[in-house]
PDB file of N, CA and C in Angstrom:
ATOM      1  N   UNK A   1     283.767  42.543 -31.121  1.00  0.00           N
ATOM      2  CA  UNK A   1     282.329  42.764 -31.186  1.00  0.00           C
ATOM      3  C   UNK A   1     281.974  43.443 -32.499  1.00  0.00           C
ATOM      4  N   UNK A   2     280.978  42.933 -33.149  1.00  0.00           N
ATOM      5  CA  UNK A   2     280.540  43.518 -34.431  1.00  0.00           C
ATOM      6  C   UNK A   2     279.584  44.665 -34.195  1.00  0.00           C
ATOM      7  N   UNK A   3     279.726  45.661 -35.046  1.00  0.00           N
ATOM      8  CA  UNK A   3     278.795  46.798 -35.031  1.00  0.00           C
ATOM      9  C   UNK A   3     277.669  46.495 -35.971  1.00  0.00           C
ATOM     10  N   UNK A   4     276.457  46.671 -35.489  1.00  0.00           N
ATOM     11  CA  UNK A   4     275.274  46.416 -36.318  1.00  0.00           C
ATOM     12  C   UNK A   4     274.917  47.720 -37.047  1.00  0.00           C
ATOM     13  N   UNK A   5     274.783  47.618 -38.366  1.00  0.00           N
ATOM     14  CA  UNK A   5     274.411  48.819 -39.133  1.00  0.00           C
ATOM     15  C   UNK A   5     273.108  48.565 -39.887  1.00  0.00           C
ATOM     16  N   UNK A   6     272.478  49.635 -40.266  1.00  0.00           N
ATOM     17  CA  UNK A   6     271.227  49.559 -41.014  1.00  0.00           C
ATOM     18  C   UNK A   6     271.354  50.483 -42.217  1.00  0.00           C
ATOM     19  N   UNK A   7     270.758  50.128 -43.344  1.00  0.00           N
ATOM     20  CA  UNK A   7     270.818  50.978 -44.500  1.00  0.00           C
ATOM     21  C   UNK A   7     270.171  52.359 -44.193  1.00  0.00           C
ATOM     22  N   UNK A   8     270.769  53.419 -44.735  1.00  0.00           N
ATOM     23  CA  UNK A   8     270.224  54.746 -44.545  1.00  0.00           C
ATOM     24  C   UNK A   8     269.179  55.020 -45.639  1.00  0.00           C
ATOM     25  N   UNK A   9     267.996  55.445 -45.247  1.00  0.00           N
ATOM     26  CA  UNK A   9     266.956  55.802 -46.188  1.00  0.00           C
ATOM     27  C   UNK A   9     266.600  57.256 -45.968  1.00  0.00           C
ATOM     28  N   UNK A  10     266.975  58.150 -46.861  1.00  0.00           N
ATOM     29  CA  UNK A  10     266.678  59.576 -46.650  1.00  0.00           C
ATOM     30  C   UNK A  10     265.198  59.864 -46.600  1.00  0.00           C
ATOM     31  N   UNK A  11     264.361  59.013 -47.165  1.00  0.00           N
ATOM     32  CA  UNK A  11     262.906  59.218 -47.124  1.00  0.00           C
ATOM     33  C   UNK A  11     262.402  59.249 -45.691  1.00  0.00           C
ATOM     34  N   UNK A  12     263.065  58.598 -44.778  1.00  0.00           N
ATOM     35  CA  UNK A  12     262.650  58.589 -43.387  1.00  0.00           C
ATOM     36  C   UNK A  12     262.905  59.924 -42.688  1.00  0.00           C
ATOM     37  N   UNK A  13     263.684  60.779 -43.329  1.00  0.00           N
ATOM     38  CA  UNK A  13     264.080  62.042 -42.712  1.00  0.00           C
ATOM     39  C   UNK A  13     263.484  63.273 -43.436  1.00  0.00           C
ATOM     40  N   UNK A  14     262.576  63.019 -44.350  1.00  0.00           N
ATOM     41  CA  UNK A  14     261.950  64.096 -45.096  1.00  0.00           C
ATOM     42  C   UNK A  14     260.454  64.208 -44.739  1.00  0.00           C
ATOM     43  N   UNK A  15     260.208  64.642 -43.556  1.00  0.00           N
ATOM     44  CA  UNK A  15     258.832  64.632 -43.033  1.00  0.00           C
ATOM     45  C   UNK A  15     257.985  65.825 -43.475  1.00  0.00           C
ATOM     46  N   UNK A  16     258.645  66.919 -43.856  1.00  0.00           N
ATOM     47  CA  UNK A  16     257.863  68.122 -44.186  1.00  0.00           C
ATOM     48  C   UNK A  16     257.998  68.448 -45.671  1.00  0.00           C
ATOM     49  N   UNK A  17     256.979  69.126 -46.230  1.00  0.00           N
ATOM     50  CA  UNK A  17     257.085  69.547 -47.637  1.00  0.00           C
ATOM     51  C   UNK A  17     258.279  70.426 -47.897  1.00  0.00           C
ATOM     52  N   UNK A  18     258.674  71.252 -46.909  1.00  0.00           N
ATOM     53  CA  UNK A  18     259.844  72.118 -47.085  1.00  0.00           C
ATOM     54  C   UNK A  18     261.147  71.306 -47.188  1.00  0.00           C
ATOM     55  N   UNK A  19     261.275  70.316 -46.344  1.00  0.00           N
ATOM     56  CA  UNK A  19     262.474  69.444 -46.401  1.00  0.00           C
ATOM     57  C   UNK A  19     262.505  68.660 -47.718  1.00  0.00           C
ATOM     58  N   UNK A  20     261.365  68.228 -48.154  1.00  0.00           N
ATOM     59  CA  UNK A  20     261.291  67.493 -49.425  1.00  0.00           C
ATOM     60  C   UNK A  20     261.651  68.379 -50.609  1.00  0.00           C
ATOM     61  N   UNK A  21     261.158  69.618 -50.603  1.00  0.00           N
ATOM     62  CA  UNK A  21     261.474  70.563 -51.689  1.00  0.00           C
ATOM     63  C   UNK A  21     262.962  70.896 -51.676  1.00  0.00           C
ATOM     64  N   UNK A  22     263.529  71.040 -50.526  1.00  0.00           N
ATOM     65  CA  UNK A  22     264.985  71.348 -50.403  1.00  0.00           C
ATOM     66  C   UNK A  22     265.805  70.200 -50.928  1.00  0.00           C
ATOM     67  N   UNK A  23     265.404  68.984 -50.622  1.00  0.00           N
ATOM     68  CA  UNK A  23     266.116  67.793 -51.115  1.00  0.00           C
ATOM     69  C   UNK A  23     266.117  67.737 -52.642  1.00  0.00           C
ATOM     70  N   UNK A  24     264.969  67.983 -53.255  1.00  0.00           N
ATOM     71  CA  UNK A  24     264.870  68.027 -54.690  1.00  0.00           C
ATOM     72  C   UNK A  24     265.689  69.177 -55.287  1.00  0.00           C
ATOM     73  N   UNK A  25     265.654  70.341 -54.624  1.00  0.00           N
ATOM     74  CA  UNK A  25     266.449  71.509 -55.100  1.00  0.00           C
ATOM     75  C   UNK A  25     267.919  71.210 -55.134  1.00  0.00           C
ATOM     76  N   UNK A  26     268.421  70.558 -54.083  1.00  0.00           N
ATOM     77  CA  UNK A  26     269.839  70.199 -54.040  1.00  0.00           C
ATOM     78  C   UNK A  26     270.175  69.251 -55.212  1.00  0.00           C
ATOM     79  N   UNK A  27     269.303  68.316 -55.465  1.00  0.00           N
ATOM     80  CA  UNK A  27     269.512  67.387 -56.578  1.00  0.00           C
ATOM     81  C   UNK A  27     269.533  68.144 -57.904  1.00  0.00           C
ATOM     82  N   UNK A  28     268.629  69.087 -58.080  1.00  0.00           N
ATOM     83  CA  UNK A  28     268.604  69.848 -59.310  1.00  0.00           C
ATOM     84  C   UNK A  28     269.871  70.675 -59.522  1.00  0.00           C
ATOM     85  N   UNK A  29     270.431  71.189 -58.438  1.00  0.00           N
ATOM     86  CA  UNK A  29     271.644  71.975 -58.530  1.00  0.00           C
ATOM     87  C   UNK A  29     272.834  71.155 -59.027  1.00  0.00           C
ATOM     88  N   UNK A  30     272.831  69.834 -58.765  1.00  0.00           N
ATOM     89  CA  UNK A  30     273.958  69.004 -59.208  1.00  0.00           C
ATOM     90  C   UNK A  30     273.947  68.810 -60.733  1.00  0.00           C
ATOM     91  N   UNK A  31     272.770  68.903 -61.354  1.00  0.00           N
ATOM     92  CA  UNK A  31     272.656  68.634 -62.758  1.00  0.00           C
ATOM     93  C   UNK A  31     272.784  67.171 -63.128  1.00  0.00           C
ATOM     94  N   UNK A  32     272.796  66.298 -62.160  1.00  0.00           N
ATOM     95  CA  UNK A  32     272.934  64.861 -62.370  1.00  0.00           C
ATOM     96  C   UNK A  32     271.550  64.252 -62.571  1.00  0.00           C
ATOM     97  N   UNK A  33     271.231  63.812 -63.804  1.00  0.00           N
ATOM     98  CA  UNK A  33     269.880  63.287 -64.075  1.00  0.00           C
ATOM     99  C   UNK A  33     269.514  62.101 -63.186  1.00  0.00           C
ATOM    100  N   UNK A  34     270.458  61.214 -62.903  1.00  0.00           N
ATOM    101  CA  UNK A  34     270.169  60.046 -62.065  1.00  0.00           C
ATOM    102  C   UNK A  34     269.832  60.492 -60.639  1.00  0.00           C
ATOM    103  N   UNK A  35     270.565  61.448 -60.116  1.00  0.00           N
ATOM    104  CA  UNK A  35     270.299  61.957 -58.759  1.00  0.00           C
ATOM    105  C   UNK A  35     268.982  62.695 -58.695  1.00  0.00           C
ATOM    106  N   UNK A  36     268.663  63.431 -59.728  1.00  0.00           N
ATOM    107  CA  UNK A  36     267.383  64.161 -59.780  1.00  0.00           C
ATOM    108  C   UNK A  36     266.205  63.161 -59.759  1.00  0.00           C
ATOM    109  N   UNK A  37     266.272  62.172 -60.611  1.00  0.00           N
ATOM    110  CA  UNK A  37     265.201  61.160 -60.674  1.00  0.00           C
ATOM    111  C   UNK A  37     265.111  60.418 -59.324  1.00  0.00           C
ATOM    112  N   UNK A  38     266.270  60.078 -58.776  1.00  0.00           N
ATOM    113  CA  UNK A  38     266.276  59.383 -57.483  1.00  0.00           C
ATOM    114  C   UNK A  38     265.719  60.264 -56.378  1.00  0.00           C
ATOM    115  N   UNK A  39     266.019  61.552 -56.398  1.00  0.00           N
ATOM    116  CA  UNK A  39     265.512  62.464 -55.335  1.00  0.00           C
ATOM    117  C   UNK A  39     263.984  62.545 -55.423  1.00  0.00           C
ATOM    118  N   UNK A  40     263.438  62.553 -56.607  1.00  0.00           N
ATOM    119  CA  UNK A  40     261.974  62.527 -56.753  1.00  0.00           C
ATOM    120  C   UNK A  40     261.421  61.219 -56.205  1.00  0.00           C
ATOM    121  N   UNK A  41     262.129  60.100 -56.440  1.00  0.00           N
ATOM    122  CA  UNK A  41     261.698  58.811 -55.893  1.00  0.00           C
ATOM    123  C   UNK A  41     261.764  58.773 -54.381  1.00  0.00           C
ATOM    124  N   UNK A  42     262.810  59.388 -53.792  1.00  0.00           N
ATOM    125  CA  UNK A  42     262.938  59.426 -52.342  1.00  0.00           C
ATOM    126  C   UNK A  42     261.755  60.214 -51.733  1.00  0.00           C
ATOM    127  N   UNK A  43     261.462  61.360 -52.328  1.00  0.00           N
ATOM    128  CA  UNK A  43     260.358  62.171 -51.832  1.00  0.00           C
ATOM    129  C   UNK A  43     259.032  61.442 -52.034  1.00  0.00           C
ATOM    130  N   UNK A  44     258.903  60.753 -53.164  1.00  0.00           N
ATOM    131  CA  UNK A  44     257.676  59.975 -53.399  1.00  0.00           C
ATOM    132  C   UNK A  44     257.503  58.890 -52.351  1.00  0.00           C
ATOM    133  N   UNK A  45     258.591  58.199 -51.957  1.00  0.00           N
ATOM    134  CA  UNK A  45     258.497  57.215 -50.923  1.00  0.00           C
ATOM    135  C   UNK A  45     258.145  57.844 -49.567  1.00  0.00           C
ATOM    136  N   UNK A  46     258.692  59.031 -49.305  1.00  0.00           N
ATOM    137  CA  UNK A  46     258.413  59.731 -48.061  1.00  0.00           C
ATOM    138  C   UNK A  46     256.935  60.069 -47.978  1.00  0.00           C
ATOM    139  N   UNK A  47     256.316  60.397 -49.098  1.00  0.00           N
ATOM    140  CA  UNK A  47     254.903  60.768 -49.122  1.00  0.00           C
ATOM    141  C   UNK A  47     253.965  59.601 -49.277  1.00  0.00           C
ATOM    142  N   UNK A  48     254.467  58.536 -49.928  1.00  0.00           N
ATOM    143  CA  UNK A  48     253.656  57.369 -50.196  1.00  0.00           C
ATOM    144  C   UNK A  48     253.522  57.110 -51.689  1.00  0.00           C
ATOM    145  N   UNK A  49     254.207  56.080 -52.152  1.00  0.00           N
ATOM    146  CA  UNK A  49     254.239  55.784 -53.590  1.00  0.00           C
ATOM    147  C   UNK A  49     252.869  55.439 -54.118  1.00  0.00           C
ATOM    148  N   UNK A  50     252.056  54.728 -53.328  1.00  0.00           N
ATOM    149  CA  UNK A  50     250.711  54.360 -53.794  1.00  0.00           C
ATOM    150  C   UNK A  50     249.867  55.574 -54.069  1.00  0.00           C
ATOM    151  N   UNK A  51     249.938  56.569 -53.200  1.00  0.00           N
ATOM    152  CA  UNK A  51     249.164  57.795 -53.418  1.00  0.00           C
ATOM    153  C   UNK A  51     249.675  58.534 -54.637  1.00  0.00           C
ATOM    154  N   UNK A  52     250.994  58.543 -54.815  1.00  0.00           N
ATOM    155  CA  UNK A  52     251.577  59.213 -56.004  1.00  0.00           C
ATOM    156  C   UNK A  52     251.087  58.533 -57.274  1.00  0.00           C
ATOM    157  N   UNK A  53     251.037  57.195 -57.245  1.00  0.00           N
ATOM    158  CA  UNK A  53     250.562  56.444 -58.400  1.00  0.00           C
ATOM    159  C   UNK A  53     249.109  56.860 -58.743  1.00  0.00           C
ATOM    160  N   UNK A  54     248.274  56.988 -57.709  1.00  0.00           N
ATOM    161  CA  UNK A  54     246.895  57.405 -57.938  1.00  0.00           C
ATOM    162  C   UNK A  54     246.846  58.823 -58.498  1.00  0.00           C
ATOM    163  N   UNK A  55     247.658  59.714 -57.947  1.00  0.00           N
ATOM    164  CA  UNK A  55     247.640  61.127 -58.331  1.00  0.00           C
ATOM    165  C   UNK A  55     248.183  61.338 -59.759  1.00  0.00           C
ATOM    166  N   UNK A  56     249.108  60.512 -60.181  1.00  0.00           N
ATOM    167  CA  UNK A  56     249.686  60.656 -61.517  1.00  0.00           C
ATOM    168  C   UNK A  56     249.043  59.815 -62.586  1.00  0.00           C
ATOM    169  N   UNK A  57     248.299  58.789 -62.145  1.00  0.00           N
ATOM    170  CA  UNK A  57     247.708  57.850 -63.118  1.00  0.00           C
ATOM    171  C   UNK A  57     248.743  56.852 -63.666  1.00  0.00           C
ATOM    172  N   UNK A  58     249.867  56.760 -63.002  1.00  0.00           N
ATOM    173  CA  UNK A  58     250.923  55.818 -63.437  1.00  0.00           C
ATOM    174  C   UNK A  58     250.958  54.648 -62.460  1.00  0.00           C
ATOM    175  N   UNK A  59     251.458  53.509 -62.949  1.00  0.00           N
ATOM    176  CA  UNK A  59     251.573  52.350 -62.095  1.00  0.00           C
ATOM    177  C   UNK A  59     252.692  52.520 -61.051  1.00  0.00           C
ATOM    178  N   UNK A  60     252.429  52.045 -59.873  1.00  0.00           N
ATOM    179  CA  UNK A  60     253.400  52.172 -58.763  1.00  0.00           C
ATOM    180  C   UNK A  60     254.727  51.522 -59.131  1.00  0.00           C
ATOM    181  N   UNK A  61     254.697  50.355 -59.740  1.00  0.00           N
ATOM    182  CA  UNK A  61     255.909  49.658 -60.122  1.00  0.00           C
ATOM    183  C   UNK A  61     256.712  50.480 -61.152  1.00  0.00           C
ATOM    184  N   UNK A  62     255.996  51.125 -62.080  1.00  0.00           N
ATOM    185  CA  UNK A  62     256.663  51.950 -63.080  1.00  0.00           C
ATOM    186  C   UNK A  62     257.329  53.161 -62.418  1.00  0.00           C
ATOM    187  N   UNK A  63     256.668  53.722 -61.426  1.00  0.00           N
ATOM    188  CA  UNK A  63     257.256  54.853 -60.717  1.00  0.00           C
ATOM    189  C   UNK A  63     258.502  54.455 -59.959  1.00  0.00           C
ATOM    190  N   UNK A  64     258.465  53.321 -59.264  1.00  0.00           N
ATOM    191  CA  UNK A  64     259.641  52.852 -58.543  1.00  0.00           C
ATOM    192  C   UNK A  64     260.836  52.723 -59.514  1.00  0.00           C
ATOM    193  N   UNK A  65     260.553  52.127 -60.664  1.00  0.00           N
ATOM    194  CA  UNK A  65     261.629  51.906 -61.664  1.00  0.00           C
ATOM    195  C   UNK A  65     262.125  53.235 -62.252  1.00  0.00           C
ATOM    196  N   UNK A  66     261.201  54.102 -62.658  1.00  0.00           N
ATOM    197  CA  UNK A  66     261.578  55.363 -63.290  1.00  0.00           C
ATOM    198  C   UNK A  66     262.274  56.303 -62.317  1.00  0.00           C
ATOM    199  N   UNK A  67     261.853  56.298 -61.079  1.00  0.00           N
ATOM    200  CA  UNK A  67     262.364  57.260 -60.083  1.00  0.00           C
ATOM    201  C   UNK A  67     263.439  56.639 -59.211  1.00  0.00           C
ATOM    202  N   UNK A  68     264.345  55.956 -59.862  1.00  0.00           N
ATOM    203  CA  UNK A  68     265.494  55.371 -59.146  1.00  0.00           C
ATOM    204  C   UNK A  68     266.765  55.912 -59.821  1.00  0.00           C
ATOM    205  N   UNK A  69     267.878  55.681 -59.189  1.00  0.00           N
ATOM    206  CA  UNK A  69     269.148  56.152 -59.755  1.00  0.00           C
ATOM    207  C   UNK A  69     269.435  55.474 -61.083  1.00  0.00           C
ATOM    208  N   UNK A  70     268.855  54.300 -61.330  1.00  0.00           N
ATOM    209  CA  UNK A  70     269.061  53.579 -62.573  1.00  0.00           C
ATOM    210  C   UNK A  70     267.967  53.898 -63.607  1.00  0.00           C
ATOM    211  N   UNK A  71     266.934  54.586 -63.192  1.00  0.00           N
ATOM    212  CA  UNK A  71     265.810  54.898 -64.050  1.00  0.00           C
ATOM    213  C   UNK A  71     266.155  55.951 -65.090  1.00  0.00           C
ATOM    214  N   UNK A  72     265.339  56.027 -66.113  1.00  0.00           N
ATOM    215  CA  UNK A  72     265.512  57.054 -67.137  1.00  0.00           C
ATOM    216  C   UNK A  72     264.097  57.525 -67.524  1.00  0.00           C
ATOM    217  N   UNK A  73     263.449  58.280 -66.636  1.00  0.00           N
ATOM    218  CA  UNK A  73     262.064  58.644 -66.885  1.00  0.00           C
ATOM    219  C   UNK A  73     261.938  59.663 -68.014  1.00  0.00           C
ATOM    220  N   UNK A  74     260.803  59.589 -68.697  1.00  0.00           N
ATOM    221  CA  UNK A  74     260.494  60.595 -69.710  1.00  0.00           C
ATOM    222  C   UNK A  74     260.191  61.907 -68.999  1.00  0.00           C
ATOM    223  N   UNK A  75     260.395  63.019 -69.699  1.00  0.00           N
ATOM    224  CA  UNK A  75     260.148  64.323 -69.090  1.00  0.00           C
ATOM    225  C   UNK A  75     258.671  64.465 -68.674  1.00  0.00           C
ATOM    226  N   UNK A  76     257.764  63.881 -69.464  1.00  0.00           N
ATOM    227  CA  UNK A  76     256.343  63.933 -69.115  1.00  0.00           C
ATOM    228  C   UNK A  76     256.108  63.269 -67.767  1.00  0.00           C
ATOM    229  N   UNK A  77     256.818  62.187 -67.498  1.00  0.00           N
ATOM    230  CA  UNK A  77     256.672  61.491 -66.210  1.00  0.00           C
ATOM    231  C   UNK A  77     257.173  62.381 -65.085  1.00  0.00           C
ATOM    232  N   UNK A  78     258.326  63.020 -65.299  1.00  0.00           N
ATOM    233  CA  UNK A  78     258.873  63.924 -64.317  1.00  0.00           C
ATOM    234  C   UNK A  78     257.879  65.034 -63.985  1.00  0.00           C
ATOM    235  N   UNK A  79     257.283  65.609 -65.037  1.00  0.00           N
ATOM    236  CA  UNK A  79     256.325  66.717 -64.806  1.00  0.00           C
ATOM    237  C   UNK A  79     255.086  66.246 -64.048  1.00  0.00           C
ATOM    238  N   UNK A  80     254.583  65.049 -64.343  1.00  0.00           N
ATOM    239  CA  UNK A  80     253.440  64.492 -63.631  1.00  0.00           C
ATOM    240  C   UNK A  80     253.787  64.303 -62.157  1.00  0.00           C
ATOM    241  N   UNK A  81     254.984  63.805 -61.901  1.00  0.00           N
ATOM    242  CA  UNK A  81     255.421  63.546 -60.525  1.00  0.00           C
ATOM    243  C   UNK A  81     255.578  64.859 -59.757  1.00  0.00           C
ATOM    244  N   UNK A  82     256.238  65.836 -60.409  1.00  0.00           N
ATOM    245  CA  UNK A  82     256.454  67.123 -59.771  1.00  0.00           C
ATOM    246  C   UNK A  82     255.117  67.794 -59.420  1.00  0.00           C
ATOM    247  N   UNK A  83     254.178  67.729 -60.345  1.00  0.00           N
ATOM    248  CA  UNK A  83     252.868  68.322 -60.086  1.00  0.00           C
ATOM    249  C   UNK A  83     252.160  67.578 -58.936  1.00  0.00           C
ATOM    250  N   UNK A  84     252.209  66.267 -58.964  1.00  0.00           N
ATOM    251  CA  UNK A  84     251.532  65.490 -57.905  1.00  0.00           C
ATOM    252  C   UNK A  84     252.176  65.702 -56.557  1.00  0.00           C
ATOM    253  N   UNK A  85     253.484  65.965 -56.517  1.00  0.00           N
ATOM    254  CA  UNK A  85     254.180  66.208 -55.253  1.00  0.00           C
ATOM    255  C   UNK A  85     253.943  67.610 -54.759  1.00  0.00           C
ATOM    256  N   UNK A  86     253.412  68.477 -55.632  1.00  0.00           N
ATOM    257  CA  UNK A  86     253.145  69.837 -55.198  1.00  0.00           C
ATOM    258  C   UNK A  86     254.384  70.688 -55.102  1.00  0.00           C
ATOM    259  N   UNK A  87     255.374  70.411 -55.937  1.00  0.00           N
ATOM    260  CA  UNK A  87     256.595  71.233 -55.996  1.00  0.00           C
ATOM    261  C   UNK A  87     256.701  71.791 -57.413  1.00  0.00           C
ATOM    262  N   UNK A  88     257.591  72.768 -57.588  1.00  0.00           N
ATOM    263  CA  UNK A  88     257.805  73.321 -58.896  1.00  0.00           C
ATOM    264  C   UNK A  88     259.266  73.347 -59.208  1.00  0.00           C
ATOM    265  N   UNK A  89     259.547  73.179 -60.484  1.00  0.00           N
ATOM    266  CA  UNK A  89     260.932  73.318 -60.955  1.00  0.00           C
ATOM    267  C   UNK A  89     261.117  74.775 -61.320  1.00  0.00           C
ATOM    268  N   UNK A  90     262.318  75.285 -61.135  1.00  0.00           N
ATOM    269  CA  UNK A  90     262.574  76.657 -61.514  1.00  0.00           C
ATOM    270  C   UNK A  90     263.939  76.740 -62.164  1.00  0.00           C
ATOM    271  N   UNK A  91     264.185  77.855 -62.847  1.00  0.00           N
ATOM    272  CA  UNK A  91     265.464  78.057 -63.514  1.00  0.00           C
ATOM    273  C   UNK A  91     265.970  79.453 -63.192  1.00  0.00           C
ATOM    274  N   UNK A  92     267.283  79.561 -63.205  1.00  0.00           N
ATOM    275  CA  UNK A  92     267.881  80.891 -63.044  1.00  0.00           C
ATOM    276  C   UNK A  92     269.146  80.884 -63.921  1.00  0.00           C
ATOM    277  N   UNK A  93     269.495  82.066 -64.356  1.00  0.00           N
ATOM    278  CA  UNK A  93     270.667  82.203 -65.212  1.00  0.00           C
ATOM    279  C   UNK A  93     271.928  81.889 -64.399  1.00  0.00           C
ATOM    280  N   UNK A  94     272.839  81.216 -65.047  1.00  0.00           N
ATOM    281  CA  UNK A  94     274.148  80.931 -64.450  1.00  0.00           C
ATOM    282  C   UNK A  94     275.040  82.150 -64.649  1.00  0.00           C
ATOM    283  N   UNK A  95     275.594  82.646 -63.616  1.00  0.00           N
ATOM    284  CA  UNK A  95     276.457  83.838 -63.708  1.00  0.00           C
ATOM    285  C   UNK A  95     277.800  83.422 -64.236  1.00  0.00           C
ATOM    286  N   UNK A  96     278.192  84.019 -65.350  1.00  0.00           N
ATOM    287  CA  UNK A  96     279.503  83.745 -65.924  1.00  0.00           C
ATOM    288  C   UNK A  96     280.579  84.470 -65.116  1.00  0.00           C
ATOM    289  N   UNK A  97     281.719  83.871 -64.990  1.00  0.00           N
ATOM    290  CA  UNK A  97     282.825  84.475 -64.199  1.00  0.00           C
ATOM    291  C   UNK A  97     283.704  85.279 -65.060  1.00  0.00           C
TER     292      UNK A  97
END
């Protein structure tokens, strides 16, 4: 008997702004630019990409492309998306050992 599987979409599990912010924070901690861009895209899909496009003034198709693991968004795009999502980026000093 075959087991039926379905693709996992984390956007379906990020229902609250707190969960969305935590998801982005974890991505930021990795330092992986592709994962960071993708995490913003996941949160954007959870909230609604069409609304994000209106809020940022960017085309929906451009956002899908830029906010994917293969995308390479400009920093200005990242900042527009972060502002429209209502989250903030923060920095802290890395403790040397």
